[in-house]
N, C-alpha and C. Protein backbone atom coordinates (compact mmCIF):
# COMPACT_ATOMS: atom_id res chain seq x y z
N MET A 1 0.80 -1.18 0.00
CA MET A 1 0.00 0.00 0.00
C MET A 1 0.85 1.24 0.00
N LYS A 2 1.99 1.17 0.58
CA LYS A 2 2.87 2.33 0.60
C LYS A 2 3.24 2.72 -0.82
N LYS A 3 3.42 1.73 -1.65
CA LYS A 3 3.83 1.98 -3.01
C LYS A 3 2.71 2.72 -3.74
N GLY A 4 1.44 2.38 -3.53
CA GLY A 4 0.29 3.02 -4.17
C GLY A 4 0.16 4.47 -3.76
N ARG A 5 0.40 4.75 -2.47
CA ARG A 5 0.31 6.14 -2.00
C ARG A 5 1.43 6.97 -2.61
N MET A 6 2.58 6.37 -2.71
CA MET A 6 3.74 7.06 -3.26
C MET A 6 3.50 7.41 -4.71
N MET A 7 2.91 6.50 -5.44
CA MET A 7 2.63 6.71 -6.84
C MET A 7 1.57 7.81 -6.99
N ASN A 8 0.61 7.84 -6.11
CA ASN A 8 -0.46 8.82 -6.13
C ASN A 8 0.10 10.22 -5.87
N ARG A 9 1.07 10.32 -4.96
CA ARG A 9 1.69 11.62 -4.66
C ARG A 9 2.47 12.11 -5.87
N ILE A 10 3.20 11.24 -6.52
CA ILE A 10 3.99 11.62 -7.68
C ILE A 10 3.06 12.08 -8.80
N THR A 11 1.98 11.37 -9.02
CA THR A 11 1.03 11.72 -10.07
C THR A 11 0.38 13.07 -9.75
N THR A 12 0.00 13.25 -8.50
CA THR A 12 -0.61 14.51 -8.09
C THR A 12 0.38 15.65 -8.22
N SER A 13 1.61 15.42 -7.85
CA SER A 13 2.65 16.43 -7.92
C SER A 13 2.93 16.78 -9.37
N ARG A 14 2.96 15.78 -10.24
CA ARG A 14 3.20 16.01 -11.66
C ARG A 14 2.04 16.79 -12.28
N ALA A 15 0.84 16.47 -11.88
CA ALA A 15 -0.34 17.16 -12.40
C ALA A 15 -0.31 18.63 -11.99
N ALA A 16 0.10 18.90 -10.78
CA ALA A 16 0.20 20.29 -10.31
C ALA A 16 1.27 21.04 -11.08
N GLN A 17 2.40 20.36 -11.35
CA GLN A 17 3.47 21.00 -12.11
C GLN A 17 3.04 21.27 -13.55
N ILE A 18 2.36 20.33 -14.15
CA ILE A 18 1.89 20.53 -15.53
C ILE A 18 0.87 21.67 -15.57
N GLY A 19 -0.01 21.73 -14.58
CA GLY A 19 -0.99 22.81 -14.51
C GLY A 19 -0.33 24.16 -14.35
N ALA A 20 0.70 24.21 -13.48
CA ALA A 20 1.42 25.46 -13.26
C ALA A 20 2.13 25.90 -14.53
N LEU A 21 2.74 24.94 -15.25
CA LEU A 21 3.42 25.27 -16.51
C LEU A 21 2.41 25.78 -17.55
N ALA A 22 1.25 25.18 -17.60
CA ALA A 22 0.22 25.62 -18.54
C ALA A 22 -0.23 27.04 -18.22
N LEU A 23 -0.38 27.33 -16.93
CA LEU A 23 -0.78 28.66 -16.50
C LEU A 23 0.28 29.69 -16.87
N VAL A 24 1.54 29.36 -16.64
CA VAL A 24 2.64 30.26 -16.98
C VAL A 24 2.66 30.50 -18.49
N ALA A 25 2.47 29.43 -19.26
CA ALA A 25 2.47 29.57 -20.72
C ALA A 25 1.32 30.45 -21.18
N ALA A 26 0.16 30.28 -20.57
CA ALA A 26 -1.01 31.09 -20.93
C ALA A 26 -0.78 32.55 -20.60
N LEU A 27 -0.22 32.80 -19.43
CA LEU A 27 0.06 34.19 -19.04
C LEU A 27 1.11 34.80 -19.95
N ALA A 28 2.08 34.03 -20.34
CA ALA A 28 3.13 34.53 -21.24
C ALA A 28 2.52 34.87 -22.59
N ALA A 29 1.60 34.06 -23.06
CA ALA A 29 0.95 34.31 -24.34
C ALA A 29 0.10 35.57 -24.28
N CYS A 30 -0.56 35.80 -23.17
CA CYS A 30 -1.40 36.99 -23.02
C CYS A 30 -0.58 38.27 -22.98
N SER A 31 0.60 38.20 -22.49
CA SER A 31 1.40 39.42 -22.36
C SER A 31 2.42 39.54 -23.48
N LYS A 32 2.13 38.98 -24.65
CA LYS A 32 3.03 39.10 -25.79
C LYS A 32 3.12 40.52 -26.29
N HIS A 33 2.14 41.36 -25.95
CA HIS A 33 2.14 42.75 -26.39
C HIS A 33 3.25 43.54 -25.73
N ASP A 34 3.83 42.98 -24.74
CA ASP A 34 4.94 43.62 -24.02
C ASP A 34 4.53 45.01 -23.53
N ASP A 35 3.32 45.09 -22.98
CA ASP A 35 2.78 46.34 -22.47
C ASP A 35 3.36 46.58 -21.08
N GLN A 36 4.11 47.64 -20.94
CA GLN A 36 4.79 47.94 -19.68
C GLN A 36 3.97 48.88 -18.79
N ARG A 37 2.74 49.18 -19.19
CA ARG A 37 1.91 50.10 -18.42
C ARG A 37 1.34 49.41 -17.19
N THR A 38 1.09 50.22 -16.19
CA THR A 38 0.46 49.68 -14.98
C THR A 38 -1.02 49.50 -15.25
N ALA A 39 -1.70 48.83 -14.35
CA ALA A 39 -3.13 48.61 -14.48
C ALA A 39 -3.87 49.95 -14.50
N GLY A 40 -3.43 50.90 -13.70
CA GLY A 40 -4.04 52.23 -13.67
C GLY A 40 -3.86 52.96 -15.00
N GLN A 41 -2.66 52.82 -15.58
CA GLN A 41 -2.40 53.46 -16.87
C GLN A 41 -3.26 52.82 -17.97
N LYS A 42 -3.40 51.51 -17.90
CA LYS A 42 -4.24 50.82 -18.87
C LYS A 42 -5.69 51.27 -18.74
N LEU A 43 -6.16 51.43 -17.51
CA LEU A 43 -7.52 51.90 -17.27
C LEU A 43 -7.69 53.32 -17.79
N ASP A 44 -6.69 54.18 -17.52
CA ASP A 44 -6.75 55.55 -18.02
C ASP A 44 -6.80 55.56 -19.55
N GLY A 45 -6.03 54.69 -20.18
CA GLY A 45 -6.03 54.60 -21.64
C GLY A 45 -7.38 54.14 -22.17
N ALA A 46 -7.98 53.18 -21.49
CA ALA A 46 -9.30 52.69 -21.91
C ALA A 46 -10.35 53.79 -21.76
N ILE A 47 -10.25 54.55 -20.69
CA ILE A 47 -11.19 55.66 -20.46
C ILE A 47 -11.02 56.71 -21.54
N ALA A 48 -9.76 57.04 -21.87
CA ALA A 48 -9.50 58.03 -22.92
C ALA A 48 -10.05 57.56 -24.26
N ASP A 49 -9.87 56.26 -24.55
CA ASP A 49 -10.40 55.71 -25.80
C ASP A 49 -11.93 55.81 -25.83
N ALA A 50 -12.57 55.51 -24.70
CA ALA A 50 -14.02 55.58 -24.62
C ALA A 50 -14.50 57.02 -24.79
N LYS A 51 -13.78 57.98 -24.18
CA LYS A 51 -14.15 59.39 -24.33
C LYS A 51 -14.02 59.82 -25.79
N GLN A 52 -12.95 59.40 -26.45
CA GLN A 52 -12.74 59.74 -27.85
C GLN A 52 -13.86 59.17 -28.71
N ALA A 53 -14.22 57.92 -28.46
CA ALA A 53 -15.30 57.29 -29.21
C ALA A 53 -16.61 58.03 -28.98
N GLY A 54 -16.84 58.46 -27.74
CA GLY A 54 -18.05 59.22 -27.42
C GLY A 54 -18.07 60.56 -28.13
N THR A 55 -16.92 61.23 -28.18
CA THR A 55 -16.82 62.52 -28.86
C THR A 55 -17.09 62.36 -30.35
N GLU A 56 -16.53 61.30 -30.94
CA GLU A 56 -16.75 61.05 -32.36
C GLU A 56 -18.22 60.71 -32.63
N ALA A 57 -18.83 59.94 -31.77
CA ALA A 57 -20.24 59.59 -31.93
C ALA A 57 -21.11 60.84 -31.82
N LYS A 58 -20.75 61.72 -30.87
CA LYS A 58 -21.50 62.97 -30.68
C LYS A 58 -21.38 63.84 -31.93
N ALA A 59 -20.18 63.92 -32.51
CA ALA A 59 -19.98 64.71 -33.72
C ALA A 59 -20.78 64.12 -34.89
N ASP A 60 -20.79 62.81 -35.00
CA ASP A 60 -21.56 62.15 -36.06
C ASP A 60 -23.05 62.42 -35.88
N ALA A 61 -23.51 62.35 -34.65
CA ALA A 61 -24.93 62.60 -34.37
C ALA A 61 -25.28 64.05 -34.69
N ARG A 62 -24.42 64.98 -34.34
CA ARG A 62 -24.65 66.40 -34.62
C ARG A 62 -24.73 66.63 -36.13
N GLN A 63 -23.82 65.99 -36.87
CA GLN A 63 -23.81 66.14 -38.32
C GLN A 63 -25.11 65.57 -38.92
N ALA A 64 -25.54 64.43 -38.43
CA ALA A 64 -26.78 63.82 -38.91
C ALA A 64 -27.98 64.72 -38.58
N MET A 65 -27.96 65.33 -37.39
CA MET A 65 -29.05 66.22 -37.00
C MET A 65 -29.06 67.47 -37.88
N ASP A 66 -27.88 67.99 -38.19
CA ASP A 66 -27.80 69.17 -39.05
C ASP A 66 -28.37 68.87 -40.43
N LYS A 67 -28.03 67.70 -40.98
CA LYS A 67 -28.55 67.31 -42.29
C LYS A 67 -30.07 67.15 -42.22
N ALA A 68 -30.56 66.54 -41.16
CA ALA A 68 -32.00 66.35 -41.00
C ALA A 68 -32.70 67.70 -40.88
N GLU A 69 -32.07 68.64 -40.17
CA GLU A 69 -32.67 69.96 -40.00
C GLU A 69 -32.77 70.68 -41.34
N VAL A 70 -31.73 70.58 -42.17
CA VAL A 70 -31.76 71.20 -43.49
C VAL A 70 -32.87 70.58 -44.34
N LYS A 71 -32.97 69.25 -44.30
CA LYS A 71 -34.01 68.58 -45.07
C LYS A 71 -35.39 68.98 -44.58
N LEU A 72 -35.55 69.10 -43.28
CA LEU A 72 -36.83 69.50 -42.73
C LEU A 72 -37.19 70.93 -43.16
N LYS A 73 -36.21 71.83 -43.12
CA LYS A 73 -36.46 73.20 -43.55
C LYS A 73 -36.85 73.25 -45.02
N ASP A 74 -36.16 72.46 -45.86
CA ASP A 74 -36.48 72.41 -47.28
C ASP A 74 -37.90 71.89 -47.49
N ALA A 75 -38.24 70.82 -46.77
CA ALA A 75 -39.58 70.23 -46.91
C ALA A 75 -40.65 71.20 -46.41
N THR A 76 -40.35 71.91 -45.33
CA THR A 76 -41.30 72.88 -44.79
C THR A 76 -41.51 74.03 -45.78
N ALA A 77 -40.41 74.49 -46.38
CA ALA A 77 -40.52 75.57 -47.36
C ALA A 77 -41.33 75.12 -48.57
N ALA A 78 -41.09 73.89 -49.04
CA ALA A 78 -41.83 73.37 -50.19
C ALA A 78 -43.31 73.24 -49.84
N ALA A 79 -43.60 72.74 -48.65
CA ALA A 79 -45.00 72.60 -48.23
C ALA A 79 -45.66 73.96 -48.08
N SER A 80 -44.90 74.92 -47.57
CA SER A 80 -45.43 76.27 -47.40
C SER A 80 -45.74 76.89 -48.76
N GLU A 81 -44.83 76.70 -49.73
CA GLU A 81 -45.06 77.23 -51.07
C GLU A 81 -46.28 76.57 -51.69
N ALA A 82 -46.42 75.25 -51.52
CA ALA A 82 -47.57 74.55 -52.06
C ALA A 82 -48.86 75.06 -51.43
N ALA A 83 -48.83 75.27 -50.12
CA ALA A 83 -50.01 75.80 -49.43
C ALA A 83 -50.30 77.21 -49.90
N THR A 84 -49.27 78.00 -50.09
CA THR A 84 -49.44 79.37 -50.56
C THR A 84 -50.03 79.37 -51.96
N ASP A 85 -49.52 78.53 -52.85
CA ASP A 85 -50.04 78.45 -54.21
C ASP A 85 -51.50 77.99 -54.20
N ALA A 86 -51.80 77.01 -53.36
CA ALA A 86 -53.19 76.54 -53.26
C ALA A 86 -54.10 77.65 -52.75
N THR A 87 -53.60 78.42 -51.80
CA THR A 87 -54.38 79.55 -51.26
C THR A 87 -54.59 80.60 -52.35
N ILE A 88 -53.56 80.87 -53.12
CA ILE A 88 -53.66 81.84 -54.21
C ILE A 88 -54.74 81.40 -55.20
N VAL A 89 -54.69 80.14 -55.61
CA VAL A 89 -55.68 79.61 -56.57
C VAL A 89 -57.09 79.73 -56.00
N THR A 90 -57.26 79.37 -54.74
CA THR A 90 -58.57 79.45 -54.10
C THR A 90 -59.08 80.88 -54.07
N LYS A 91 -58.23 81.82 -53.70
CA LYS A 91 -58.65 83.23 -53.62
C LYS A 91 -58.98 83.81 -54.99
N ILE A 92 -58.18 83.43 -56.00
CA ILE A 92 -58.46 83.93 -57.36
C ILE A 92 -59.78 83.35 -57.86
N ASN A 93 -60.00 82.05 -57.65
CA ASN A 93 -61.28 81.44 -58.06
C ASN A 93 -62.46 82.12 -57.38
N ALA A 94 -62.31 82.44 -56.09
CA ALA A 94 -63.37 83.13 -55.36
C ALA A 94 -63.63 84.52 -55.95
N ALA A 95 -62.56 85.22 -56.29
CA ALA A 95 -62.70 86.56 -56.88
C ALA A 95 -63.38 86.48 -58.25
N LEU A 96 -63.01 85.47 -59.04
CA LEU A 96 -63.63 85.31 -60.36
C LEU A 96 -65.12 84.97 -60.23
N MET A 97 -65.46 84.14 -59.24
CA MET A 97 -66.86 83.75 -59.02
C MET A 97 -67.69 84.92 -58.50
N ALA A 98 -67.05 85.86 -57.83
CA ALA A 98 -67.77 87.02 -57.29
C ALA A 98 -68.00 88.09 -58.36
N ASP A 99 -67.29 88.00 -59.47
CA ASP A 99 -67.42 88.98 -60.54
C ASP A 99 -68.59 88.59 -61.46
N ASP A 100 -69.55 89.52 -61.68
CA ASP A 100 -70.74 89.22 -62.46
C ASP A 100 -70.43 88.77 -63.89
N ARG A 101 -69.43 89.32 -64.51
CA ARG A 101 -69.13 88.98 -65.91
C ARG A 101 -68.28 87.72 -66.04
N LEU A 102 -67.55 87.34 -64.96
CA LEU A 102 -66.65 86.19 -65.06
C LEU A 102 -67.17 84.93 -64.37
N LYS A 103 -68.22 85.07 -63.54
CA LYS A 103 -68.65 83.91 -62.75
C LYS A 103 -69.22 82.79 -63.61
N ALA A 104 -69.71 83.09 -64.80
CA ALA A 104 -70.28 82.07 -65.65
C ALA A 104 -69.24 81.45 -66.60
N THR A 105 -68.03 81.91 -66.52
CA THR A 105 -66.99 81.40 -67.44
C THR A 105 -66.20 80.29 -66.79
N LYS A 106 -65.60 79.49 -67.65
CA LYS A 106 -64.73 78.41 -67.17
C LYS A 106 -63.29 78.89 -67.33
N ILE A 107 -62.71 79.36 -66.22
CA ILE A 107 -61.32 79.82 -66.23
C ILE A 107 -60.53 78.90 -65.31
N ASP A 108 -59.48 78.32 -65.87
CA ASP A 108 -58.61 77.44 -65.09
C ASP A 108 -57.47 78.29 -64.52
N VAL A 109 -57.27 78.20 -63.22
CA VAL A 109 -56.23 78.97 -62.54
C VAL A 109 -55.17 78.01 -62.01
N ARG A 110 -53.94 78.26 -62.39
CA ARG A 110 -52.81 77.48 -61.86
C ARG A 110 -51.80 78.46 -61.27
N ALA A 111 -51.13 78.02 -60.21
CA ALA A 111 -50.11 78.86 -59.57
C ALA A 111 -48.91 78.00 -59.23
N GLU A 112 -47.74 78.54 -59.47
CA GLU A 112 -46.50 77.88 -59.10
C GLU A 112 -45.52 78.95 -58.63
N ASP A 113 -45.14 78.85 -57.39
CA ASP A 113 -44.24 79.83 -56.77
C ASP A 113 -44.77 81.26 -56.92
N GLY A 114 -46.08 81.42 -56.85
CA GLY A 114 -46.68 82.74 -56.93
C GLY A 114 -46.90 83.24 -58.35
N ARG A 115 -46.48 82.46 -59.35
CA ARG A 115 -46.71 82.84 -60.74
C ARG A 115 -48.00 82.16 -61.21
N VAL A 116 -48.97 82.97 -61.58
CA VAL A 116 -50.31 82.49 -61.91
C VAL A 116 -50.49 82.42 -63.43
N THR A 117 -51.15 81.35 -63.86
CA THR A 117 -51.51 81.19 -65.26
C THR A 117 -53.02 81.02 -65.34
N LEU A 118 -53.65 81.84 -66.19
CA LEU A 118 -55.09 81.76 -66.42
C LEU A 118 -55.31 81.20 -67.81
N THR A 119 -56.11 80.15 -67.91
CA THR A 119 -56.44 79.58 -69.22
C THR A 119 -57.95 79.39 -69.28
N GLY A 120 -58.47 79.36 -70.50
CA GLY A 120 -59.91 79.19 -70.71
C GLY A 120 -60.43 80.27 -71.62
N THR A 121 -61.70 80.61 -71.46
CA THR A 121 -62.35 81.56 -72.36
C THR A 121 -62.97 82.71 -71.55
N ALA A 122 -62.77 83.91 -72.07
CA ALA A 122 -63.39 85.10 -71.48
C ALA A 122 -64.47 85.58 -72.46
N PRO A 123 -65.59 86.14 -71.95
CA PRO A 123 -66.68 86.56 -72.85
C PRO A 123 -66.30 87.75 -73.74
N ASP A 124 -65.37 88.59 -73.29
CA ASP A 124 -64.94 89.75 -74.08
C ASP A 124 -63.58 90.22 -73.60
N ALA A 125 -62.99 91.17 -74.30
CA ALA A 125 -61.65 91.66 -73.97
C ALA A 125 -61.63 92.34 -72.60
N GLY A 126 -62.70 93.02 -72.25
CA GLY A 126 -62.78 93.68 -70.94
C GLY A 126 -62.75 92.65 -69.81
N SER A 127 -63.45 91.55 -70.00
CA SER A 127 -63.47 90.49 -68.99
C SER A 127 -62.11 89.81 -68.90
N GLN A 128 -61.45 89.70 -70.04
CA GLN A 128 -60.11 89.11 -70.07
C GLN A 128 -59.15 89.96 -69.22
N ALA A 129 -59.20 91.26 -69.40
CA ALA A 129 -58.35 92.18 -68.64
C ALA A 129 -58.75 92.18 -67.17
N ARG A 130 -60.06 92.10 -66.90
CA ARG A 130 -60.56 92.08 -65.51
C ARG A 130 -60.02 90.86 -64.77
N ALA A 131 -59.93 89.71 -65.42
CA ALA A 131 -59.40 88.49 -64.80
C ALA A 131 -57.95 88.70 -64.36
N THR A 132 -57.19 89.38 -65.17
CA THR A 132 -55.80 89.68 -64.81
C THR A 132 -55.75 90.60 -63.60
N THR A 133 -56.60 91.61 -63.60
CA THR A 133 -56.65 92.56 -62.48
C THR A 133 -57.02 91.85 -61.18
N LEU A 134 -58.05 90.99 -61.23
CA LEU A 134 -58.49 90.28 -60.03
C LEU A 134 -57.39 89.34 -59.52
N ALA A 135 -56.74 88.62 -60.43
CA ALA A 135 -55.68 87.69 -60.03
C ALA A 135 -54.49 88.44 -59.44
N SER A 136 -54.14 89.56 -60.03
CA SER A 136 -52.99 90.34 -59.55
C SER A 136 -53.21 90.91 -58.16
N ALA A 137 -54.47 91.14 -57.80
CA ALA A 137 -54.79 91.74 -56.51
C ALA A 137 -54.65 90.77 -55.33
N VAL A 138 -54.53 89.48 -55.61
CA VAL A 138 -54.43 88.48 -54.55
C VAL A 138 -53.03 88.50 -53.94
N ASN A 139 -53.00 88.51 -52.61
CA ASN A 139 -51.72 88.53 -51.89
C ASN A 139 -50.89 87.29 -52.23
N GLY A 140 -49.61 87.50 -52.55
CA GLY A 140 -48.70 86.40 -52.86
C GLY A 140 -48.50 86.19 -54.35
N VAL A 141 -49.31 86.83 -55.19
CA VAL A 141 -49.17 86.68 -56.63
C VAL A 141 -47.98 87.52 -57.10
N ARG A 142 -47.06 86.88 -57.78
CA ARG A 142 -45.87 87.58 -58.29
C ARG A 142 -46.10 88.06 -59.73
N SER A 143 -46.78 87.23 -60.50
CA SER A 143 -47.05 87.61 -61.89
C SER A 143 -48.28 86.84 -62.36
N VAL A 144 -48.92 87.37 -63.45
CA VAL A 144 -50.08 86.71 -64.03
C VAL A 144 -49.83 86.56 -65.52
N ASP A 145 -49.93 85.31 -65.99
CA ASP A 145 -49.83 85.00 -67.41
C ASP A 145 -51.25 84.71 -67.88
N ASN A 146 -51.87 85.71 -68.51
CA ASN A 146 -53.27 85.58 -68.93
C ASN A 146 -53.29 84.99 -70.33
N GLN A 147 -53.69 83.72 -70.41
CA GLN A 147 -53.78 83.03 -71.70
C GLN A 147 -55.25 82.83 -72.11
N LEU A 148 -56.14 83.63 -71.51
CA LEU A 148 -57.56 83.52 -71.83
C LEU A 148 -57.81 83.91 -73.28
N VAL A 149 -58.71 83.16 -73.90
CA VAL A 149 -59.11 83.44 -75.27
C VAL A 149 -60.47 84.13 -75.22
N VAL A 150 -60.62 85.20 -75.98
CA VAL A 150 -61.90 85.93 -76.03
C VAL A 150 -62.85 85.15 -76.91
N ALA A 151 -64.03 84.88 -76.40
CA ALA A 151 -65.04 84.11 -77.13
C ALA A 151 -65.56 84.91 -78.30
N ARG A 152 -65.85 84.21 -79.40
CA ARG A 152 -66.45 84.86 -80.58
C ARG A 152 -67.95 84.97 -80.36
N ASN A 153 -68.48 86.10 -80.69
CA ASN A 153 -69.93 86.27 -80.59
C ASN A 153 -70.50 86.07 -81.99
N GLY A 154 -71.43 85.15 -82.05
CA GLY A 154 -72.15 85.08 -83.30
C GLY A 154 -71.98 83.86 -84.01
């Protein structure tokens, strides 16, 4: 029995030595970078890296927000112009309908960026000129292109 215990001690001792050698080899492999910094210095470096990454992310986010803001302003301006043009058309149509000589006529009113185009038929030259006057009086109208044709009598 003494021999069995002796063999067990040698095996256990050898296993401990092999384990210790494996641990040393693993630690040696991990420190191949030959980093001579202390743990505190490594932590400071990691913190600095994280701060830099945060700063870069913040700059990227700011840039994305600036682009979004420009797009929003452009979209708002386009929507505002469309609303303004629609308002212009509505007001001109109302003015034409309120005029005794023009209310029975079919005049198509289009507006783009405040530039109004009138198409259709006017009963006479005076009514044709009156349509231009009424359209020009609407707030926001920059110009009027009167393409109305005077109807032939007879």
